[in-house]
N, C-alpha and C. Protein backbone atom coordinates (compact mmCIF):
# COMPACT_ATOMS: atom_id res chain seq x y z
N MET A 1 95.35 62.46 80.18
CA MET A 1 96.58 63.44 80.89
C MET A 1 96.07 65.23 81.45
N PHE A 2 95.12 65.14 80.63
CA PHE A 2 94.69 66.71 80.99
C PHE A 2 93.90 66.60 82.12
N GLU A 3 93.37 65.29 82.78
CA GLU A 3 92.25 65.21 84.02
C GLU A 3 93.49 65.21 84.96
N ILE A 4 94.46 64.30 84.65
CA ILE A 4 95.89 64.04 85.30
C ILE A 4 96.52 65.99 86.07
N ILE A 5 96.91 66.39 85.48
CA ILE A 5 97.29 68.02 85.32
C ILE A 5 96.55 68.50 85.65
N HIS A 6 94.68 68.72 86.18
CA HIS A 6 94.64 70.04 86.49
C HIS A 6 94.09 68.69 87.97
N GLN A 7 94.25 67.50 88.37
CA GLN A 7 94.21 67.09 89.62
C GLN A 7 95.33 67.72 90.27
N TRP A 8 96.34 67.27 89.79
CA TRP A 8 97.90 67.80 90.71
C TRP A 8 97.67 69.03 90.84
N ALA A 9 97.02 70.38 89.92
CA ALA A 9 96.76 71.33 90.15
C ALA A 9 95.46 71.82 91.86
N THR A 10 94.46 71.13 90.89
CA THR A 10 93.98 71.08 92.26
C THR A 10 93.75 70.90 93.63
N ASP A 11 94.80 69.50 93.81
CA ASP A 11 94.94 69.03 95.22
C ASP A 11 96.24 70.26 95.32
N SER A 12 97.16 70.89 94.92
CA SER A 12 98.42 71.45 95.45
C SER A 12 98.03 72.68 95.59
N VAL A 13 96.85 73.53 95.24
CA VAL A 13 96.54 74.51 95.02
C VAL A 13 96.18 75.39 96.69
N ASP A 14 95.99 74.69 97.99
CA ASP A 14 96.05 75.04 99.21
C ASP A 14 97.05 74.69 99.88
N LYS A 15 98.29 74.09 99.15
CA LYS A 15 99.54 74.02 100.17
C LYS A 15 100.02 75.08 100.05
N PRO A 16 101.35 75.33 100.55
CA PRO A 16 102.23 76.37 100.63
C PRO A 16 103.13 76.56 99.73
N TYR A 17 103.01 75.33 98.90
CA TYR A 17 104.02 75.53 97.26
C TYR A 17 102.99 75.41 96.44
N GLY A 18 101.24 75.66 96.71
CA GLY A 18 100.71 75.54 95.59
C GLY A 18 101.03 76.45 94.55
N LEU A 19 101.23 77.61 94.94
CA LEU A 19 101.36 79.01 93.54
C LEU A 19 102.82 78.44 92.91
N TRP A 20 103.71 77.95 93.55
CA TRP A 20 104.92 77.77 92.78
C TRP A 20 104.52 76.07 91.94
N VAL A 21 103.51 75.56 92.37
CA VAL A 21 103.20 73.80 91.39
C VAL A 21 102.74 75.04 90.11
N ALA A 22 101.85 76.47 90.57
CA ALA A 22 100.89 76.50 89.22
C ALA A 22 102.25 77.34 88.41
N ALA A 23 103.12 78.20 89.01
CA ALA A 23 103.54 78.99 88.14
C ALA A 23 105.03 77.70 86.98
N GLY A 24 105.31 76.58 87.95
CA GLY A 24 106.07 75.35 86.76
C GLY A 24 104.80 75.18 85.52
N LEU A 25 103.37 74.75 86.39
CA LEU A 25 102.54 74.38 85.40
C LEU A 25 102.49 75.70 84.18
N MET A 26 102.77 76.69 84.27
CA MET A 26 102.55 77.95 83.36
C MET A 26 103.63 78.03 82.74
N ALA A 27 104.82 77.56 83.39
CA ALA A 27 106.11 77.70 82.34
C ALA A 27 105.76 76.74 81.07
N LEU A 28 105.57 75.46 81.43
CA LEU A 28 105.25 74.16 80.87
C LEU A 28 104.15 74.41 79.69
N GLU A 29 103.26 75.42 80.26
CA GLU A 29 102.08 75.68 79.44
C GLU A 29 102.89 76.91 77.96
N SER A 30 103.88 77.19 78.79
CA SER A 30 104.39 78.51 77.60
C SER A 30 105.37 77.84 76.77
N MET A 31 105.55 76.24 76.72
CA MET A 31 106.65 75.67 76.18
C MET A 31 106.27 74.66 75.21
N ILE A 32 106.72 73.81 75.32
CA ILE A 32 105.47 72.93 73.93
C ILE A 32 105.16 71.84 74.61
N ALA A 33 105.17 71.70 75.83
CA ALA A 33 103.90 70.75 76.90
C ALA A 33 102.57 70.92 76.71
N PRO A 34 102.09 69.90 76.66
CA PRO A 34 100.43 69.79 76.21
C PRO A 34 99.92 70.35 78.33
N VAL A 35 100.23 71.72 78.11
CA VAL A 35 99.66 71.68 79.83
C VAL A 35 98.27 73.03 79.42
N PRO A 36 97.17 72.75 79.63
CA PRO A 36 96.28 73.71 79.28
C PRO A 36 96.26 74.91 80.37
N SER A 37 96.40 75.82 80.27
CA SER A 37 96.40 77.08 81.49
C SER A 37 95.22 77.35 81.91
N GLU A 38 94.18 76.85 81.13
CA GLU A 38 92.83 76.63 81.95
C GLU A 38 92.42 75.79 82.92
N PHE A 39 93.37 74.71 82.99
CA PHE A 39 93.07 73.94 84.58
C PHE A 39 94.36 74.26 85.64
N VAL A 40 94.62 75.14 85.11
CA VAL A 40 95.43 76.24 85.93
C VAL A 40 95.47 77.25 87.13
N MET A 41 94.74 77.77 86.15
CA MET A 41 94.78 79.49 86.67
C MET A 41 93.10 79.62 87.09
N PRO A 42 92.01 78.25 87.13
CA PRO A 42 91.24 78.90 87.73
C PRO A 42 90.33 78.35 88.84
N PRO A 43 91.93 77.63 88.97
CA PRO A 43 91.71 76.56 90.71
C PRO A 43 92.44 77.86 91.64
N LEU A 44 93.30 78.46 91.12
CA LEU A 44 94.37 79.45 91.81
C LEU A 44 92.74 80.39 92.31
N GLY A 45 92.39 80.86 91.27
CA GLY A 45 90.87 81.71 91.67
C GLY A 45 89.89 81.45 92.42
N ALA A 46 89.79 79.85 92.33
CA ALA A 46 88.46 79.92 93.42
C ALA A 46 88.98 79.82 94.81
N ALA A 47 90.39 79.43 95.15
CA ALA A 47 90.71 79.34 96.30
C ALA A 47 91.08 80.75 96.92
N LEU A 48 91.08 81.90 95.65
CA LEU A 48 91.58 83.07 96.49
C LEU A 48 89.45 83.51 96.72
N ALA A 49 88.62 82.51 95.81
CA ALA A 49 87.47 83.26 96.34
C ALA A 49 86.97 82.82 97.82
N ALA A 50 87.66 81.37 97.95
CA ALA A 50 87.44 80.60 99.57
C ALA A 50 88.20 81.12 99.99
N GLY A 51 89.13 82.52 100.33
CA GLY A 51 89.94 83.00 101.14
C GLY A 51 90.58 82.42 101.68
N THR A 52 91.92 81.86 100.87
CA THR A 52 93.74 80.92 100.69
C THR A 52 94.55 82.37 102.02
N GLN A 53 95.02 81.85 102.28
CA GLN A 53 95.89 82.66 103.11
C GLN A 53 97.54 82.31 102.26
N ASN A 54 97.58 81.24 101.26
CA ASN A 54 98.87 81.25 100.90
C ASN A 54 99.44 82.08 100.13
N PHE A 55 97.97 82.64 99.33
CA PHE A 55 98.58 83.50 98.42
C PHE A 55 98.00 84.70 98.48
N THR A 56 97.78 86.11 96.91
CA THR A 56 96.96 86.94 97.30
C THR A 56 97.01 86.93 95.28
N TRP A 57 96.02 88.00 95.62
CA TRP A 57 95.58 88.56 93.52
C TRP A 57 96.97 89.05 92.64
N THR A 58 97.79 90.21 93.58
CA THR A 58 99.27 89.87 93.33
C THR A 58 100.37 88.84 92.99
N THR A 59 100.33 88.48 94.11
CA THR A 59 101.25 87.02 94.01
C THR A 59 101.22 86.36 93.06
N ALA A 60 99.96 85.88 92.81
CA ALA A 60 99.38 84.91 92.32
C ALA A 60 99.61 85.43 90.38
N ILE A 61 99.07 86.71 90.09
CA ILE A 61 99.03 87.16 88.81
C ILE A 61 100.66 87.30 88.62
N LEU A 62 101.67 87.39 89.64
CA LEU A 62 103.29 87.89 88.91
C LEU A 62 103.44 86.65 89.10
N ALA A 63 103.36 85.90 89.72
CA ALA A 63 103.80 84.31 89.72
C ALA A 63 103.92 83.35 88.78
N THR A 64 102.44 83.25 87.72
CA THR A 64 102.40 82.74 87.36
C THR A 64 102.83 83.63 86.06
N SER A 65 102.56 84.45 86.12
CA SER A 65 103.38 85.16 84.44
C SER A 65 104.36 85.28 84.48
N ALA A 66 105.13 84.99 85.69
CA ALA A 66 106.74 85.01 85.43
C ALA A 66 107.21 83.61 84.63
N GLY A 67 106.44 82.80 85.55
CA GLY A 67 106.25 81.34 84.59
C GLY A 67 106.01 81.31 83.52
N SER A 68 105.06 81.98 82.88
CA SER A 68 104.61 82.06 81.31
C SER A 68 105.64 82.59 79.89
N LEU A 69 106.16 84.11 80.96
CA LEU A 69 108.14 84.19 80.78
C LEU A 69 109.08 83.16 80.47
N LEU A 70 108.95 82.78 81.91
CA LEU A 70 110.22 81.66 81.77
C LEU A 70 110.15 80.36 80.87
N GLY A 71 109.13 79.98 80.55
CA GLY A 71 108.51 79.15 79.62
C GLY A 71 109.25 79.67 78.10
N SER A 72 108.37 80.73 77.57
CA SER A 72 108.12 80.99 76.66
C SER A 72 109.94 81.74 75.88
N LEU A 73 110.62 82.16 77.25
CA LEU A 73 112.12 82.10 76.63
C LEU A 73 112.73 80.94 76.74
N ILE A 74 112.28 79.57 77.02
CA ILE A 74 113.03 78.83 76.82
C ILE A 74 112.89 78.21 75.40
N SER A 75 111.55 78.36 75.34
CA SER A 75 111.30 77.91 73.96
C SER A 75 111.43 78.65 72.82
N TYR A 76 111.81 80.45 72.82
CA TYR A 76 112.61 81.11 72.04
C TYR A 76 114.12 80.77 71.74
N TYR A 77 114.35 80.34 72.74
CA TYR A 77 116.03 80.08 72.32
C TYR A 77 115.91 78.47 71.84
N MET A 78 115.51 77.91 71.86
CA MET A 78 115.16 76.58 70.98
C MET A 78 115.53 76.91 69.70
N GLY A 79 114.39 77.67 69.56
CA GLY A 79 114.18 78.26 68.18
C GLY A 79 115.53 78.51 67.72
N TYR A 80 116.12 79.77 68.14
CA TYR A 80 117.02 80.41 68.28
C TYR A 80 117.97 79.87 67.81
N PHE A 81 118.59 78.77 68.85
CA PHE A 81 119.51 78.03 68.26
C PHE A 81 120.01 76.53 67.87
N GLY A 82 118.37 76.59 67.92
CA GLY A 82 118.23 74.91 67.26
C GLY A 82 117.25 74.63 65.86
N GLY A 83 116.34 75.86 65.97
CA GLY A 83 115.39 75.43 64.75
C GLY A 83 114.42 74.04 64.76
N LYS A 84 113.98 74.29 64.04
CA LYS A 84 112.57 73.28 64.36
C LYS A 84 113.47 71.58 64.30
N PRO A 85 114.38 71.37 63.74
CA PRO A 85 114.96 69.97 64.27
C PRO A 85 115.41 70.01 65.36
N LEU A 86 115.51 70.62 66.76
CA LEU A 86 115.65 70.44 67.59
C LEU A 86 114.10 70.59 68.65
N VAL A 87 113.64 71.51 67.91
CA VAL A 87 112.12 71.73 68.33
C VAL A 87 111.50 70.02 68.56
N MET A 88 111.59 69.47 67.33
CA MET A 88 111.33 68.21 67.36
C MET A 88 111.54 67.06 67.96
N LYS A 89 112.70 67.08 67.89
CA LYS A 89 113.79 66.20 68.69
C LYS A 89 113.67 65.89 69.91
N VAL A 90 112.75 67.82 70.95
CA VAL A 90 112.47 66.91 71.89
C VAL A 90 111.13 66.76 72.46
N GLY A 91 110.09 67.78 71.05
CA GLY A 91 109.02 67.84 71.22
C GLY A 91 108.68 66.51 71.02
N ARG A 92 109.00 65.46 70.56
CA ARG A 92 108.78 64.09 70.28
C ARG A 92 108.55 63.02 71.57
N PHE A 93 108.75 64.09 72.51
CA PHE A 93 108.81 63.34 73.53
C PHE A 93 107.04 63.73 74.88
N LEU A 94 106.98 65.30 73.93
CA LEU A 94 106.02 65.75 74.49
C LEU A 94 104.86 66.05 73.39
N LEU A 95 104.55 65.10 72.58
CA LEU A 95 103.06 65.12 72.14
C LEU A 95 103.46 66.19 70.97
N VAL A 96 104.71 66.84 70.90
CA VAL A 96 104.49 68.18 69.55
C VAL A 96 103.59 67.48 68.29
N ASN A 97 102.64 68.31 67.86
CA ASN A 97 102.39 68.16 66.52
C ASN A 97 102.97 68.80 65.28
N GLU A 98 103.84 68.13 64.62
CA GLU A 98 104.56 69.08 63.64
C GLU A 98 103.63 69.85 62.68
N HIS A 99 102.63 69.26 62.22
CA HIS A 99 101.59 70.10 61.84
C HIS A 99 101.20 71.58 62.31
N HIS A 100 101.19 71.64 63.32
CA HIS A 100 100.55 72.79 64.00
C HIS A 100 101.85 73.67 63.98
N LEU A 101 102.64 72.85 64.83
CA LEU A 101 104.44 73.85 64.26
C LEU A 101 104.79 74.71 63.29
N ASP A 102 104.08 73.89 62.36
CA ASP A 102 104.48 74.79 60.85
C ASP A 102 102.95 76.01 60.84
N LEU A 103 101.76 75.20 61.26
CA LEU A 103 100.86 76.90 61.04
C LEU A 103 101.20 77.96 61.85
N THR A 104 101.70 77.30 62.76
CA THR A 104 102.04 78.67 64.24
C THR A 104 103.42 79.72 63.32
N THR A 105 104.16 78.62 62.51
CA THR A 105 105.46 79.49 62.04
C THR A 105 104.59 80.46 60.83
N ALA A 106 103.73 79.98 60.43
CA ALA A 106 102.98 80.23 59.36
C ALA A 106 102.36 81.59 59.73
N TRP A 107 101.28 81.32 60.44
CA TRP A 107 101.17 82.91 60.99
C TRP A 107 102.20 83.87 61.27
N PHE A 108 103.15 83.36 62.28
CA PHE A 108 104.04 84.50 62.42
C PHE A 108 104.90 85.33 61.33
N LYS A 109 105.16 84.36 60.42
CA LYS A 109 105.48 84.85 58.74
C LYS A 109 104.37 85.90 58.23
N LYS A 110 103.16 85.31 58.14
CA LYS A 110 102.37 86.54 57.67
C LYS A 110 102.57 87.56 58.79
N TRP A 111 101.64 87.24 59.53
CA TRP A 111 101.51 88.38 60.50
C TRP A 111 102.67 89.39 61.40
N GLY A 112 103.39 88.69 61.49
CA GLY A 112 105.30 89.91 62.09
C GLY A 112 104.97 89.20 63.90
N SER A 113 105.83 90.16 64.34
CA SER A 113 105.73 89.92 65.97
C SER A 113 104.62 89.98 66.40
N LEU A 114 103.65 90.66 66.37
CA LEU A 114 102.57 91.00 66.89
C LEU A 114 101.78 89.64 67.48
N THR A 115 102.01 88.73 66.35
CA THR A 115 101.58 87.14 66.60
C THR A 115 101.46 86.97 68.12
N VAL A 116 102.48 87.28 68.39
CA VAL A 116 103.34 86.41 70.02
C VAL A 116 102.23 87.33 71.17
N PHE A 117 101.75 88.47 70.96
CA PHE A 117 100.57 88.93 71.88
C PHE A 117 99.40 88.05 71.81
N VAL A 118 99.38 88.42 70.08
CA VAL A 118 97.93 87.91 70.00
C VAL A 118 97.77 86.21 70.40
N CYS A 119 98.98 85.03 69.93
CA CYS A 119 98.43 83.80 70.08
C CYS A 119 98.15 83.69 71.07
N ARG A 120 98.53 84.53 72.41
CA ARG A 120 98.45 84.17 73.89
C ARG A 120 96.86 83.31 74.28
N PHE A 121 96.08 83.70 73.46
CA PHE A 121 95.13 83.90 73.49
C PHE A 121 94.15 82.77 72.68
N ILE A 122 94.83 81.69 71.61
CA ILE A 122 94.35 81.12 70.82
C ILE A 122 94.87 79.63 71.34
N PRO A 123 93.68 78.98 71.20
CA PRO A 123 94.72 77.32 71.49
C PRO A 123 95.18 76.99 71.19
N VAL A 124 96.40 76.21 71.03
CA VAL A 124 97.58 75.01 70.02
C VAL A 124 98.33 75.94 70.26
N VAL A 125 98.22 76.89 69.29
CA VAL A 125 99.41 77.79 69.07
C VAL A 125 100.12 78.70 69.98
N ARG A 126 99.23 78.56 71.02
CA ARG A 126 99.91 79.54 72.54
C ARG A 126 100.95 78.71 72.76
N HIS A 127 101.43 77.28 72.65
CA HIS A 127 102.75 76.48 73.21
C HIS A 127 103.55 76.81 72.45
N LEU A 128 103.28 77.09 71.07
CA LEU A 128 104.57 77.27 70.41
C LEU A 128 104.82 78.39 69.25
N ILE A 129 104.08 79.45 69.93
CA ILE A 129 104.59 80.55 69.19
C ILE A 129 105.58 81.56 69.27
N SER A 130 106.27 80.78 70.79
CA SER A 130 107.58 81.50 71.14
C SER A 130 109.05 80.73 69.53
N ILE A 131 108.85 79.52 69.25
CA ILE A 131 109.84 79.17 68.80
C ILE A 131 109.50 79.46 67.18
N PRO A 132 109.17 79.98 66.57
CA PRO A 132 109.09 80.98 65.71
C PRO A 132 109.78 82.20 65.67
N ALA A 133 109.14 82.75 66.68
CA ALA A 133 109.98 83.70 67.08
C ALA A 133 111.58 84.13 67.63
N GLY A 134 111.76 82.80 67.89
CA GLY A 134 113.02 82.37 67.82
C GLY A 134 113.77 82.05 66.97
N ILE A 135 113.33 81.48 65.60
CA ILE A 135 113.51 81.39 64.37
C ILE A 135 114.51 82.36 63.67
N ALA A 136 112.92 83.36 64.19
CA ALA A 136 113.39 84.51 63.22
C ALA A 136 114.11 85.62 63.87
N ARG A 137 114.94 85.77 65.11
CA ARG A 137 115.23 85.96 65.81
C ARG A 137 114.56 87.50 66.36
N MET A 138 114.05 87.50 66.73
CA MET A 138 112.69 88.49 66.96
C MET A 138 113.40 89.40 67.69
N ASN A 139 113.61 90.98 68.39
CA ASN A 139 113.97 91.93 68.85
C ASN A 139 113.17 90.89 70.56
N LEU A 140 114.05 90.19 71.35
CA LEU A 140 114.47 89.90 72.70
C LEU A 140 113.46 91.32 73.64
N LEU A 141 113.30 91.88 74.04
CA LEU A 141 113.41 93.28 74.45
C LEU A 141 111.55 92.77 73.66
N LYS A 142 111.06 93.50 72.84
CA LYS A 142 109.81 93.25 72.21
C LYS A 142 109.29 91.92 72.20
N PHE A 143 110.13 90.55 72.27
CA PHE A 143 109.27 89.66 72.73
C PHE A 143 109.03 89.50 74.00
N CYS A 144 109.76 89.70 75.08
CA CYS A 144 109.41 89.93 75.95
C CYS A 144 108.00 90.63 76.86
N LEU A 145 108.18 91.70 76.15
CA LEU A 145 107.12 92.92 76.53
C LEU A 145 105.55 92.15 75.84
N TYR A 146 105.79 91.84 74.66
CA TYR A 146 104.48 91.25 74.02
C TYR A 146 104.12 89.71 74.96
N THR A 147 104.89 89.10 75.21
CA THR A 147 104.57 87.87 75.93
C THR A 147 104.28 88.05 77.12
N VAL A 148 104.97 89.04 77.88
CA VAL A 148 104.52 89.55 79.69
C VAL A 148 103.07 89.76 79.37
N VAL A 149 102.88 90.83 78.53
CA VAL A 149 101.52 91.81 78.57
C VAL A 149 100.53 90.34 78.31
N GLY A 150 100.45 89.64 77.34
CA GLY A 150 99.53 89.00 76.80
C GLY A 150 99.43 88.41 77.30
N ALA A 151 100.36 87.05 78.02
CA ALA A 151 100.34 85.95 79.22
C ALA A 151 99.63 86.77 80.36
N THR A 152 100.04 87.92 80.72
CA THR A 152 99.11 89.06 82.24
C THR A 152 97.78 88.60 82.29
N LEU A 153 97.13 89.05 81.04
CA LEU A 153 96.10 89.17 80.17
C LEU A 153 95.79 88.04 80.33
N TRP A 154 95.62 87.31 79.86
CA TRP A 154 94.98 85.62 79.81
C TRP A 154 95.30 85.12 81.26
N ASN A 155 96.24 85.33 81.72
CA ASN A 155 96.23 84.73 83.37
C ASN A 155 94.89 85.28 84.00
N THR A 156 95.02 86.49 83.86
CA THR A 156 94.20 87.37 84.42
C THR A 156 92.81 86.97 84.54
N LEU A 157 92.30 86.65 83.24
CA LEU A 157 91.08 86.54 82.96
C LEU A 157 90.50 85.17 83.41
N LEU A 158 91.58 84.17 83.23
CA LEU A 158 91.47 82.57 83.89
C LEU A 158 91.25 82.53 85.25
N LEU A 159 92.08 83.84 86.04
CA LEU A 159 92.29 83.55 87.31
C LEU A 159 90.81 84.15 88.23
N TRP A 160 90.20 85.46 87.50
CA TRP A 160 88.86 86.05 87.49
C TRP A 160 87.58 85.04 87.11
N ALA A 161 87.94 84.04 86.04
CA ALA A 161 86.89 83.19 86.28
C ALA A 161 86.59 82.88 87.17
N GLY A 162 88.12 81.81 87.69
CA GLY A 162 87.95 80.60 88.68
C GLY A 162 87.58 81.24 89.93
N PHE A 163 87.64 82.43 90.18
CA PHE A 163 87.13 83.47 91.78
C PHE A 163 85.93 83.42 91.04
N LYS A 164 85.20 84.01 90.11
CA LYS A 164 83.35 84.47 90.12
C LYS A 164 83.14 82.64 90.06
N LEU A 165 83.46 81.45 88.89
CA LEU A 165 82.74 80.49 89.07
C LEU A 165 83.16 79.08 89.37
N GLN A 166 83.55 79.74 91.27
CA GLN A 166 84.68 78.37 91.53
C GLN A 166 83.64 77.33 92.07
N GLU A 167 82.24 77.36 91.97
CA GLU A 167 81.61 76.29 92.49
C GLU A 167 81.22 75.53 90.58
N HIS A 168 81.02 75.76 89.69
CA HIS A 168 81.08 75.29 88.51
C HIS A 168 82.66 75.31 87.67
N ILE A 169 83.68 75.26 88.27
CA ILE A 169 84.58 74.93 86.99
C ILE A 169 84.61 73.86 86.92
N LYS A 170 84.30 72.85 87.06
CA LYS A 170 84.65 71.54 86.73
C LYS A 170 83.63 71.55 85.24
N ASP A 171 82.17 71.67 85.28
CA ASP A 171 81.20 72.19 84.37
C ASP A 171 81.82 72.69 83.70
N ILE A 172 82.23 74.16 83.61
CA ILE A 172 82.67 74.86 83.04
C ILE A 172 84.03 74.23 81.45
N LEU A 173 85.21 73.07 82.55
CA LEU A 173 86.37 72.82 82.21
C LEU A 173 85.95 71.90 80.90
N LYS A 174 84.55 71.66 80.78
CA LYS A 174 83.92 70.69 80.10
C LYS A 174 83.86 71.22 79.11
N TYR A 175 83.81 72.41 78.65
CA TYR A 175 83.56 72.94 78.08
C TYR A 175 84.93 74.71 76.90
N ARG A 176 86.31 73.91 77.80
CA ARG A 176 87.25 74.99 77.36
C ARG A 176 87.42 74.98 75.97
N THR A 177 87.26 73.85 75.19
CA THR A 177 87.68 73.51 73.51
C THR A 177 86.56 75.09 73.06
N ALA A 178 85.12 75.27 73.53
CA ALA A 178 84.48 75.77 72.58
C ALA A 178 84.31 77.49 73.39
N VAL A 179 84.99 77.18 74.30
CA VAL A 179 84.97 78.69 74.55
C VAL A 179 86.74 79.32 74.40
N ASP A 180 87.80 78.55 74.26
CA ASP A 180 89.17 78.85 73.52
C ASP A 180 88.68 79.19 72.05
N VAL A 181 88.25 78.77 71.38
CA VAL A 181 88.24 78.68 70.04
C VAL A 181 87.42 79.85 69.71
N SER A 182 85.80 80.72 70.55
CA SER A 182 85.12 81.69 70.91
C SER A 182 85.90 82.78 70.35
N ILE A 183 86.96 82.76 72.11
CA ILE A 183 88.07 83.42 71.71
C ILE A 183 88.82 83.77 71.43
N ALA A 184 89.21 82.93 70.31
CA ALA A 184 90.22 82.91 69.38
C ALA A 184 89.34 83.54 68.06
N ALA A 185 88.59 83.01 67.59
CA ALA A 185 88.03 83.75 66.77
C ALA A 185 87.20 85.24 66.87
N LEU A 186 87.29 85.85 68.18
CA LEU A 186 86.83 87.30 68.42
C LEU A 186 88.04 87.67 67.98
N LEU A 187 89.50 87.38 68.37
CA LEU A 187 90.88 87.79 68.52
C LEU A 187 90.95 87.96 66.70
N VAL A 188 91.12 86.93 66.43
CA VAL A 188 91.71 87.03 64.60
C VAL A 188 90.78 87.95 64.24
N ILE A 189 89.33 87.84 64.38
CA ILE A 189 88.69 88.81 63.67
C ILE A 189 89.01 90.42 63.85
N GLY A 190 89.47 90.61 65.48
CA GLY A 190 89.73 92.18 66.02
C GLY A 190 90.98 92.12 65.12
N VAL A 191 91.75 91.29 65.22
CA VAL A 191 93.15 91.87 64.78
C VAL A 191 93.34 92.17 63.52
N VAL A 192 92.35 91.30 62.48
CA VAL A 192 92.15 91.48 60.79
C VAL A 192 91.55 92.86 60.54
N ALA A 193 90.54 93.04 62.00
CA ALA A 193 89.70 94.27 61.10
C ALA A 193 90.57 95.50 61.42
N TRP A 194 91.92 95.27 62.55
CA TRP A 194 92.83 96.84 62.74
C TRP A 194 93.49 96.48 61.92
N PHE A 195 94.28 95.55 60.91
CA PHE A 195 95.26 95.93 59.99
C PHE A 195 94.77 96.04 58.65
N TRP A 196 93.59 95.72 58.78
CA TRP A 196 92.44 95.77 57.17
C TRP A 196 92.12 97.57 57.65
N LEU A 197 91.75 98.81 58.69
CA LEU A 197 91.88 99.74 58.79
C LEU A 197 93.21 100.72 59.25
N HIS A 198 94.52 100.02 59.49
CA HIS A 198 95.37 101.17 59.64
C HIS A 198 96.40 100.42 58.70
N LEU A 199 96.15 99.16 58.26
CA LEU A 199 97.71 99.32 57.39
C LEU A 199 97.01 99.27 55.96
N ARG A 200 96.37 98.96 55.58
CA ARG A 200 95.93 99.60 54.33
C ARG A 200 96.77 100.31 53.55
N LYS A 201 97.01 99.77 52.12
CA LYS A 201 97.60 100.94 51.51
C LYS A 201 96.70 101.86 50.78
N PRO A 202 96.59 103.61 51.43
CA PRO A 202 95.91 104.37 50.62
C PRO A 202 95.97 104.06 48.77
N LYS A 203 94.72 104.73 48.03
CA LYS A 203 94.90 104.18 46.73
C LYS A 203 95.76 105.46 46.50
N PRO A 204 96.57 105.41 45.41
CA PRO A 204 97.38 106.94 45.11
C PRO A 204 96.29 108.04 44.51
N GLN A 205 95.98 109.23 45.09
CA GLN A 205 95.52 110.03 44.58
C GLN A 205 96.18 110.66 43.21
N GLY A 206 95.92 110.59 41.92
CA GLY A 206 95.81 111.11 40.90
C GLY A 206 95.56 112.87 40.75
N PHE A 207 97.06 113.67 40.08
CA PHE A 207 97.14 115.40 40.09
C PHE A 207 96.28 115.62 39.26
N PRO A 208 95.71 116.37 38.84
CA PRO A 208 94.35 116.93 38.50
C PRO A 208 95.34 117.49 36.95
N VAL A 209 94.95 117.75 35.85
CA VAL A 209 95.86 117.59 34.98
C VAL A 209 95.69 119.39 34.42
N ALA A 210 96.26 120.00 34.00
CA ALA A 210 96.02 121.59 34.19
C ALA A 210 95.50 121.70 32.42
N ALA A 211 94.36 122.67 31.93
CA ALA A 211 93.81 122.56 30.83
C ALA A 211 94.87 123.41 30.24
N LYS A 212 94.90 122.73 29.10
CA LYS A 212 95.80 123.82 28.44
C LYS A 212 94.94 124.91 27.42
N ASP A 213 95.67 126.21 27.52
CA ASP A 213 95.58 127.21 27.41
C ASP A 213 95.14 127.50 25.57
N ASN A 214 93.78 127.70 25.39
CA ASN A 214 93.91 128.01 23.49
C ASN A 214 94.40 128.72 22.99
N PRO A 215 95.09 128.49 22.03
CA PRO A 215 95.95 129.49 21.39
C PRO A 215 94.78 130.61 20.61
């Protein structure tokens, strides 16, 4: 399936509608569909390096980020109105793994709304994180902000990788899992370190006891 998606993204990238195909795939990637962004964004970057006239850096980033936001909002409202039962009912046609959904929900409950941003960089859970945000009735404006910032950074990184490594994209995609895991590990370490440094409760300081005057 992944090879078919990659072939579709690669074949359409030079067409006038190629950017819209990429935006649609990124919308699916932000939903519960198993569409890897690593198969969608690098071909756009390679096309930019080759001098395509169909889109620019700006339009590529805007279109794919808009697609990511659209897909995330659909998942958010699935969680908001239908919860896990609706997600699993629809997701059974898209190979949704219930364990992965439960894991993502546990992440959200533990770390809060910040996971919407952080999980944009983490494989598997990036497809599902919008659902527990909807179930928890996360503030919509904050959800959109975290989603747009995280998705734009991730999409731009992949776009830049495709631009710089256009001749080696097929070789790089063979190692996408290892790259994803490495990035995820670094981000998790960074987030845990930030929480530990900034949110840990300071130990209460005892007040000095005044010495009693001797009679």
